[in-house]
Amino acid sequence: MLKVIPPRLRKPALYTLAGLVFAAAWLIHGGRTWWFSIVVLVATAARVAAVYLRAGKDTDEGALAGSRADERLQFLNARARALAGIFAGTATFIALSVAVAAGRTWWPYAAILAVAGLGYLFGLSNYGVGEQDPAEEDADDAPSPVMS
C-alpha cells in the first residue's frame, strides 16, 4: 500500500492522519475544551508542512523525512527508535510504581508495559533472532579444508 504513495508524501500523510484522529477525539470529547481540536489541526498542518519541506532537501534529515534513507540512516533511525522505546518503557514502569504506591489506578501502565513486551517479543521472532541462517547450515555440513 505504501508503494502507491510517493516517498516524499508518506510521512506527511501519516502525520496528517494522526493529527486528524487526535483532533476528532477532542471534538467528540466535546465539553468546554472542544476548541482544542482546532489547535490540534493548526499544529498538525504546521508539522505536516515542515516535514514536507524538509523531505525535499538533500540532507540526512531530508532523506529520513522523505522515506529514502540509506542503510546508515535506517540503522540510525532504528537505534533512535530503540532508545525512545527504552525511555518510554522506563517512564511507564516508574509511573506504574508510583501509581501502585499511591493506591491509584495502575492497570493502564501495566497494559502499556505488556503491549511493549509483546511488541519486543514479536520483533525478535519477526527478525529471526535465534534462527540459523541457511548459508550457515550448509557450511556446517561441508568438510573442513583443514581436516582433509
N, C-alpha and C. Protein backbone atom coordinates (compact mmCIF):
# COMPACT_ATOMS: atom_id res chain seq x y z
N MET A 1 0.81 -1.19 0.00
CA MET A 1 0.00 0.00 0.00
C MET A 1 0.86 1.26 0.00
N LEU A 2 1.96 1.25 0.74
CA LEU A 2 2.80 2.43 0.78
C LEU A 2 3.50 2.69 -0.55
N LYS A 3 3.60 1.67 -1.39
CA LYS A 3 4.26 1.86 -2.69
C LYS A 3 3.44 2.78 -3.58
N VAL A 4 2.15 2.90 -3.33
CA VAL A 4 1.29 3.77 -4.13
C VAL A 4 1.56 5.23 -3.79
N ILE A 5 1.90 5.51 -2.54
CA ILE A 5 2.16 6.88 -2.09
C ILE A 5 3.62 7.21 -2.37
N PRO A 6 3.89 8.34 -3.03
CA PRO A 6 5.29 8.72 -3.28
C PRO A 6 6.05 8.88 -1.95
N PRO A 7 7.36 8.53 -1.95
CA PRO A 7 8.13 8.57 -0.69
C PRO A 7 8.07 9.91 0.04
N ARG A 8 8.09 11.00 -0.70
CA ARG A 8 8.10 12.31 -0.05
C ARG A 8 6.79 12.60 0.69
N LEU A 9 5.72 11.91 0.31
CA LEU A 9 4.42 12.17 0.94
C LEU A 9 4.06 11.17 2.03
N ARG A 10 4.85 10.12 2.22
CA ARG A 10 4.48 9.08 3.17
C ARG A 10 4.40 9.59 4.61
N LYS A 11 5.43 10.23 5.09
CA LYS A 11 5.41 10.72 6.47
C LYS A 11 4.42 11.87 6.65
N PRO A 12 4.36 12.84 5.72
CA PRO A 12 3.32 13.86 5.89
C PRO A 12 1.90 13.27 5.90
N ALA A 13 1.65 12.24 5.11
CA ALA A 13 0.33 11.61 5.12
C ALA A 13 0.06 10.93 6.46
N LEU A 14 1.07 10.28 7.02
CA LEU A 14 0.91 9.63 8.32
C LEU A 14 0.66 10.68 9.41
N TYR A 15 1.40 11.77 9.40
CA TYR A 15 1.19 12.83 10.39
C TYR A 15 -0.18 13.47 10.22
N THR A 16 -0.64 13.62 9.00
CA THR A 16 -1.96 14.18 8.75
C THR A 16 -3.04 13.27 9.34
N LEU A 17 -2.92 11.98 9.08
CA LEU A 17 -3.90 11.02 9.61
C LEU A 17 -3.91 11.04 11.13
N ALA A 18 -2.73 11.02 11.74
CA ALA A 18 -2.65 11.03 13.20
C ALA A 18 -3.25 12.32 13.77
N GLY A 19 -2.95 13.45 13.16
CA GLY A 19 -3.49 14.72 13.63
C GLY A 19 -5.00 14.79 13.50
N LEU A 20 -5.55 14.28 12.39
CA LEU A 20 -7.00 14.28 12.20
C LEU A 20 -7.69 13.39 13.23
N VAL A 21 -7.10 12.24 13.52
CA VAL A 21 -7.68 11.34 14.52
C VAL A 21 -7.68 12.00 15.89
N PHE A 22 -6.56 12.64 16.25
CA PHE A 22 -6.47 13.30 17.56
C PHE A 22 -7.42 14.49 17.65
N ALA A 23 -7.52 15.27 16.58
CA ALA A 23 -8.45 16.40 16.57
C ALA A 23 -9.89 15.91 16.67
N ALA A 24 -10.21 14.82 15.98
CA ALA A 24 -11.56 14.26 16.07
C ALA A 24 -11.85 13.78 17.49
N ALA A 25 -10.86 13.23 18.15
CA ALA A 25 -11.06 12.78 19.54
C ALA A 25 -11.41 13.96 20.44
N TRP A 26 -10.73 15.09 20.26
CA TRP A 26 -11.06 16.27 21.06
C TRP A 26 -12.43 16.81 20.71
N LEU A 27 -12.80 16.76 19.45
CA LEU A 27 -14.11 17.26 19.03
C LEU A 27 -15.22 16.37 19.58
N ILE A 28 -15.02 15.06 19.52
CA ILE A 28 -16.01 14.12 20.05
C ILE A 28 -16.09 14.25 21.57
N HIS A 29 -14.96 14.51 22.21
CA HIS A 29 -14.94 14.70 23.66
C HIS A 29 -15.89 15.81 24.06
N GLY A 30 -15.92 16.85 23.25
CA GLY A 30 -16.86 17.94 23.48
C GLY A 30 -16.58 18.72 24.75
N GLY A 31 -17.63 19.18 25.36
CA GLY A 31 -17.49 19.96 26.58
C GLY A 31 -16.90 21.33 26.29
N ARG A 32 -16.30 21.90 27.31
CA ARG A 32 -15.73 23.24 27.15
C ARG A 32 -14.40 23.24 26.42
N THR A 33 -13.80 22.08 26.19
CA THR A 33 -12.49 22.03 25.53
C THR A 33 -12.58 21.56 24.07
N TRP A 34 -13.77 21.63 23.46
CA TRP A 34 -13.91 21.21 22.06
C TRP A 34 -13.00 22.03 21.15
N TRP A 35 -12.76 23.27 21.51
CA TRP A 35 -11.97 24.17 20.69
C TRP A 35 -10.51 23.70 20.55
N PHE A 36 -10.06 22.83 21.45
CA PHE A 36 -8.69 22.34 21.37
C PHE A 36 -8.46 21.55 20.09
N SER A 37 -9.53 21.02 19.50
CA SER A 37 -9.40 20.30 18.24
C SER A 37 -8.90 21.25 17.14
N ILE A 38 -9.26 22.52 17.20
CA ILE A 38 -8.78 23.50 16.22
C ILE A 38 -7.28 23.72 16.40
N VAL A 39 -6.83 23.79 17.65
CA VAL A 39 -5.41 23.95 17.94
C VAL A 39 -4.63 22.74 17.40
N VAL A 40 -5.18 21.56 17.59
CA VAL A 40 -4.54 20.34 17.10
C VAL A 40 -4.44 20.38 15.58
N LEU A 41 -5.49 20.81 14.91
CA LEU A 41 -5.47 20.88 13.44
C LEU A 41 -4.43 21.88 12.94
N VAL A 42 -4.33 23.03 13.59
CA VAL A 42 -3.34 24.04 13.18
C VAL A 42 -1.92 23.50 13.41
N ALA A 43 -1.69 22.89 14.56
CA ALA A 43 -0.37 22.33 14.86
C ALA A 43 -0.04 21.20 13.89
N THR A 44 -1.02 20.39 13.54
CA THR A 44 -0.81 19.31 12.58
C THR A 44 -0.44 19.86 11.21
N ALA A 45 -1.15 20.89 10.78
CA ALA A 45 -0.86 21.49 9.48
C ALA A 45 0.56 22.06 9.44
N ALA A 46 0.98 22.70 10.53
CA ALA A 46 2.33 23.24 10.59
C ALA A 46 3.37 22.12 10.56
N ARG A 47 3.12 21.05 11.28
CA ARG A 47 4.07 19.92 11.32
C ARG A 47 4.15 19.23 9.96
N VAL A 48 3.01 19.03 9.32
CA VAL A 48 2.99 18.39 8.00
C VAL A 48 3.75 19.24 6.98
N ALA A 49 3.53 20.55 7.01
CA ALA A 49 4.24 21.43 6.08
C ALA A 49 5.75 21.38 6.33
N ALA A 50 6.16 21.39 7.60
CA ALA A 50 7.58 21.34 7.92
C ALA A 50 8.21 20.03 7.45
N VAL A 51 7.53 18.91 7.67
CA VAL A 51 8.07 17.62 7.25
C VAL A 51 8.14 17.54 5.73
N TYR A 52 7.11 18.05 5.04
CA TYR A 52 7.11 18.02 3.58
C TYR A 52 8.26 18.85 3.02
N LEU A 53 8.47 20.03 3.58
CA LEU A 53 9.56 20.89 3.11
C LEU A 53 10.92 20.26 3.41
N ARG A 54 11.07 19.67 4.59
CA ARG A 54 12.33 19.02 4.96
C ARG A 54 12.60 17.82 4.05
N ALA A 55 11.56 17.11 3.65
CA ALA A 55 11.72 15.92 2.79
C ALA A 55 12.26 16.29 1.42
N GLY A 56 12.09 17.53 1.00
CA GLY A 56 12.59 17.96 -0.30
C GLY A 56 14.05 18.33 -0.32
N LYS A 57 14.68 18.39 0.84
CA LYS A 57 16.09 18.79 0.90
C LYS A 57 17.00 17.58 0.74
N ASP A 58 18.20 17.83 0.23
CA ASP A 58 19.17 16.76 0.01
C ASP A 58 20.14 16.67 1.18
N THR A 59 19.58 16.31 2.35
CA THR A 59 20.37 16.16 3.57
C THR A 59 19.97 14.84 4.23
N ASP A 60 20.68 14.49 5.30
CA ASP A 60 20.30 13.29 6.05
C ASP A 60 18.89 13.42 6.62
N GLU A 61 18.57 14.59 7.18
CA GLU A 61 17.24 14.81 7.73
C GLU A 61 16.18 14.75 6.63
N GLY A 62 16.52 15.29 5.47
CA GLY A 62 15.60 15.24 4.34
C GLY A 62 15.37 13.82 3.86
N ALA A 63 16.41 13.01 3.87
CA ALA A 63 16.27 11.61 3.45
C ALA A 63 15.38 10.85 4.43
N LEU A 64 15.54 11.11 5.73
CA LEU A 64 14.68 10.45 6.72
C LEU A 64 13.24 10.91 6.59
N ALA A 65 13.04 12.22 6.42
CA ALA A 65 11.68 12.74 6.29
C ALA A 65 11.04 12.31 4.98
N GLY A 66 11.84 12.12 3.95
CA GLY A 66 11.32 11.74 2.64
C GLY A 66 11.26 10.25 2.40
N SER A 67 11.48 9.45 3.41
CA SER A 67 11.43 7.98 3.32
C SER A 67 12.35 7.44 2.23
N ARG A 68 13.54 7.98 2.14
CA ARG A 68 14.51 7.50 1.16
C ARG A 68 15.89 7.33 1.81
N ALA A 69 15.89 6.84 3.04
CA ALA A 69 17.12 6.71 3.81
C ALA A 69 17.93 5.52 3.32
N ASP A 70 19.26 5.68 3.34
CA ASP A 70 20.15 4.56 3.01
C ASP A 70 20.33 3.69 4.25
N GLU A 71 21.18 2.67 4.15
CA GLU A 71 21.35 1.73 5.26
C GLU A 71 21.86 2.42 6.52
N ARG A 72 22.79 3.35 6.37
CA ARG A 72 23.34 4.05 7.53
C ARG A 72 22.24 4.82 8.25
N LEU A 73 21.40 5.52 7.53
CA LEU A 73 20.33 6.30 8.14
C LEU A 73 19.24 5.40 8.70
N GLN A 74 18.97 4.28 8.05
CA GLN A 74 17.99 3.34 8.59
C GLN A 74 18.48 2.76 9.91
N PHE A 75 19.77 2.46 9.99
CA PHE A 75 20.35 1.95 11.24
C PHE A 75 20.27 3.02 12.33
N LEU A 76 20.59 4.26 11.98
CA LEU A 76 20.49 5.37 12.93
C LEU A 76 19.05 5.53 13.42
N ASN A 77 18.10 5.45 12.49
CA ASN A 77 16.70 5.57 12.84
C ASN A 77 16.27 4.43 13.76
N ALA A 78 16.72 3.21 13.48
CA ALA A 78 16.38 2.07 14.32
C ALA A 78 16.96 2.23 15.73
N ARG A 79 18.18 2.72 15.82
CA ARG A 79 18.79 2.93 17.15
C ARG A 79 18.06 4.02 17.91
N ALA A 80 17.66 5.09 17.22
CA ALA A 80 16.94 6.17 17.89
C ALA A 80 15.57 5.68 18.38
N ARG A 81 14.89 4.87 17.58
CA ARG A 81 13.60 4.31 18.00
C ARG A 81 13.78 3.37 19.18
N ALA A 82 14.85 2.59 19.17
CA ALA A 82 15.12 1.70 20.30
C ALA A 82 15.34 2.49 21.58
N LEU A 83 16.10 3.57 21.49
CA LEU A 83 16.33 4.41 22.66
C LEU A 83 15.02 5.04 23.14
N ALA A 84 14.19 5.49 22.20
CA ALA A 84 12.89 6.05 22.57
C ALA A 84 12.04 5.00 23.27
N GLY A 85 12.10 3.76 22.80
CA GLY A 85 11.37 2.68 23.45
C GLY A 85 11.86 2.42 24.86
N ILE A 86 13.16 2.50 25.05
CA ILE A 86 13.73 2.31 26.39
C ILE A 86 13.25 3.42 27.32
N PHE A 87 13.27 4.65 26.84
CA PHE A 87 12.80 5.77 27.66
C PHE A 87 11.31 5.63 27.98
N ALA A 88 10.51 5.27 26.98
CA ALA A 88 9.07 5.12 27.20
C ALA A 88 8.78 3.98 28.17
N GLY A 89 9.49 2.88 28.02
CA GLY A 89 9.29 1.75 28.94
C GLY A 89 9.70 2.09 30.36
N THR A 90 10.81 2.79 30.50
CA THR A 90 11.27 3.20 31.83
C THR A 90 10.28 4.17 32.47
N ALA A 91 9.81 5.15 31.70
CA ALA A 91 8.85 6.12 32.24
C ALA A 91 7.54 5.43 32.63
N THR A 92 7.11 4.47 31.83
CA THR A 92 5.88 3.73 32.15
C THR A 92 6.06 2.90 33.40
N PHE A 93 7.22 2.26 33.55
CA PHE A 93 7.47 1.47 34.76
C PHE A 93 7.49 2.37 36.00
N ILE A 94 8.11 3.54 35.89
CA ILE A 94 8.12 4.48 37.02
C ILE A 94 6.71 4.93 37.35
N ALA A 95 5.92 5.24 36.33
CA ALA A 95 4.54 5.66 36.55
C ALA A 95 3.73 4.53 37.19
N LEU A 96 3.95 3.29 36.74
CA LEU A 96 3.28 2.14 37.34
C LEU A 96 3.64 2.01 38.81
N SER A 97 4.91 2.14 39.12
CA SER A 97 5.36 2.03 40.51
C SER A 97 4.76 3.12 41.38
N VAL A 98 4.71 4.35 40.87
CA VAL A 98 4.13 5.46 41.63
C VAL A 98 2.64 5.25 41.83
N ALA A 99 1.95 4.79 40.79
CA ALA A 99 0.51 4.55 40.89
C ALA A 99 0.20 3.46 41.92
N VAL A 100 0.98 2.40 41.92
CA VAL A 100 0.77 1.32 42.90
C VAL A 100 1.04 1.85 44.30
N ALA A 101 2.13 2.58 44.49
CA ALA A 101 2.48 3.12 45.81
C ALA A 101 1.44 4.11 46.31
N ALA A 102 0.85 4.89 45.40
CA ALA A 102 -0.13 5.89 45.80
C ALA A 102 -1.54 5.32 45.90
N GLY A 103 -1.70 4.06 45.52
CA GLY A 103 -3.01 3.45 45.59
C GLY A 103 -3.95 3.95 44.51
N ARG A 104 -3.41 4.37 43.40
CA ARG A 104 -4.21 4.88 42.28
C ARG A 104 -4.40 3.80 41.23
N THR A 105 -5.10 4.14 40.18
CA THR A 105 -5.33 3.21 39.07
C THR A 105 -4.00 2.90 38.40
N TRP A 106 -3.64 1.60 38.37
CA TRP A 106 -2.33 1.20 37.85
C TRP A 106 -2.42 0.37 36.58
N TRP A 107 -3.59 -0.20 36.29
CA TRP A 107 -3.67 -1.15 35.19
C TRP A 107 -3.36 -0.55 33.82
N PRO A 108 -3.63 0.74 33.52
CA PRO A 108 -3.24 1.24 32.19
C PRO A 108 -1.73 1.18 31.96
N TYR A 109 -0.95 1.43 33.02
CA TYR A 109 0.51 1.38 32.89
C TYR A 109 0.97 -0.06 32.69
N ALA A 110 0.34 -0.98 33.39
CA ALA A 110 0.68 -2.40 33.22
C ALA A 110 0.32 -2.86 31.81
N ALA A 111 -0.79 -2.37 31.28
CA ALA A 111 -1.19 -2.74 29.92
C ALA A 111 -0.19 -2.20 28.89
N ILE A 112 0.28 -0.99 29.10
CA ILE A 112 1.28 -0.42 28.18
C ILE A 112 2.56 -1.24 28.22
N LEU A 113 3.01 -1.62 29.42
CA LEU A 113 4.21 -2.45 29.54
C LEU A 113 4.01 -3.82 28.90
N ALA A 114 2.81 -4.38 29.04
CA ALA A 114 2.52 -5.69 28.43
C ALA A 114 2.56 -5.59 26.91
N VAL A 115 1.97 -4.54 26.35
CA VAL A 115 1.99 -4.36 24.89
C VAL A 115 3.42 -4.15 24.41
N ALA A 116 4.20 -3.37 25.15
CA ALA A 116 5.60 -3.15 24.77
C ALA A 116 6.39 -4.45 24.82
N GLY A 117 6.16 -5.26 25.85
CA GLY A 117 6.85 -6.54 25.95
C GLY A 117 6.46 -7.49 24.82
N LEU A 118 5.18 -7.54 24.49
CA LEU A 118 4.74 -8.38 23.37
C LEU A 118 5.32 -7.87 22.06
N GLY A 119 5.39 -6.55 21.91
CA GLY A 119 6.00 -5.99 20.70
C GLY A 119 7.47 -6.35 20.58
N TYR A 120 8.15 -6.36 21.70
CA TYR A 120 9.57 -6.75 21.71
C TYR A 120 9.72 -8.21 21.30
N LEU A 121 8.90 -9.08 21.89
CA LEU A 121 8.96 -10.50 21.54
C LEU A 121 8.58 -10.73 20.08
N PHE A 122 7.59 -10.00 19.60
CA PHE A 122 7.21 -10.11 18.19
C PHE A 122 8.36 -9.66 17.30
N GLY A 123 9.05 -8.60 17.69
CA GLY A 123 10.20 -8.12 16.92
C GLY A 123 11.30 -9.16 16.86
N LEU A 124 11.56 -9.81 17.99
CA LEU A 124 12.58 -10.86 18.00
C LEU A 124 12.20 -12.00 17.06
N SER A 125 10.95 -12.42 17.12
CA SER A 125 10.54 -13.53 16.25
C SER A 125 10.45 -13.09 14.79
N ASN A 126 10.06 -11.86 14.55
CA ASN A 126 9.91 -11.37 13.17
C ASN A 126 11.26 -11.21 12.48
N TYR A 127 12.27 -10.78 13.22
CA TYR A 127 13.58 -10.55 12.62
C TYR A 127 14.49 -11.75 12.74
N GLY A 128 13.98 -12.87 13.21
CA GLY A 128 14.70 -14.13 13.15
C GLY A 128 15.82 -14.32 14.14
N VAL A 129 15.76 -13.70 15.29
CA VAL A 129 16.80 -13.91 16.30
C VAL A 129 16.70 -15.35 16.78
N GLY A 130 17.81 -16.04 16.77
CA GLY A 130 17.85 -17.42 17.21
C GLY A 130 17.75 -18.43 16.09
N GLU A 131 17.35 -17.98 14.90
CA GLU A 131 17.30 -18.89 13.76
C GLU A 131 18.67 -18.92 13.10
N GLN A 132 19.00 -20.08 12.58
CA GLN A 132 20.28 -20.19 11.90
C GLN A 132 20.09 -19.84 10.43
N ASP A 133 21.02 -19.10 9.90
CA ASP A 133 20.99 -18.71 8.50
C ASP A 133 21.19 -19.95 7.63
N PRO A 134 20.43 -20.11 6.52
CA PRO A 134 20.60 -21.28 5.66
C PRO A 134 22.03 -21.45 5.15
N ALA A 135 22.72 -20.37 4.91
CA ALA A 135 24.11 -20.46 4.44
C ALA A 135 25.00 -21.06 5.52
N GLU A 136 24.70 -20.77 6.79
CA GLU A 136 25.48 -21.33 7.88
C GLU A 136 25.23 -22.83 8.02
N GLU A 137 23.98 -23.28 7.76
CA GLU A 137 23.67 -24.70 7.84
C GLU A 137 24.48 -25.49 6.81
N ASP A 138 24.57 -24.96 5.58
CA ASP A 138 25.33 -25.64 4.53
C ASP A 138 26.81 -25.67 4.87
N ALA A 139 27.29 -24.62 5.50
CA ALA A 139 28.71 -24.56 5.85
C ALA A 139 29.05 -25.59 6.92
N ASP A 140 28.09 -25.89 7.81
CA ASP A 140 28.34 -26.88 8.85
C ASP A 140 28.46 -28.29 8.29
N ASP A 141 27.74 -28.58 7.21
CA ASP A 141 27.75 -29.91 6.62
C ASP A 141 29.00 -30.17 5.77
N ALA A 142 29.61 -29.12 5.27
CA ALA A 142 30.78 -29.29 4.39
C ALA A 142 32.00 -29.69 5.21
N PRO A 143 32.84 -30.55 4.65
CA PRO A 143 34.06 -30.92 5.38
C PRO A 143 35.02 -29.75 5.49
N SER A 144 35.70 -29.69 6.58
CA SER A 144 36.66 -28.62 6.80
C SER A 144 37.90 -28.84 5.92
N PRO A 145 38.40 -27.76 5.28
CA PRO A 145 39.58 -27.91 4.46
C PRO A 145 40.82 -28.26 5.30
N VAL A 146 40.79 -27.94 6.57
CA VAL A 146 41.91 -28.23 7.44
C VAL A 146 41.97 -29.73 7.75
N MET A 147 40.80 -30.36 7.85
CA MET A 147 40.73 -31.76 8.20
C MET A 147 41.11 -32.67 7.04
N SER A 148 41.17 -32.20 5.82
CA SER A 148 41.44 -33.03 4.65
C SER A 148 42.86 -33.50 4.59
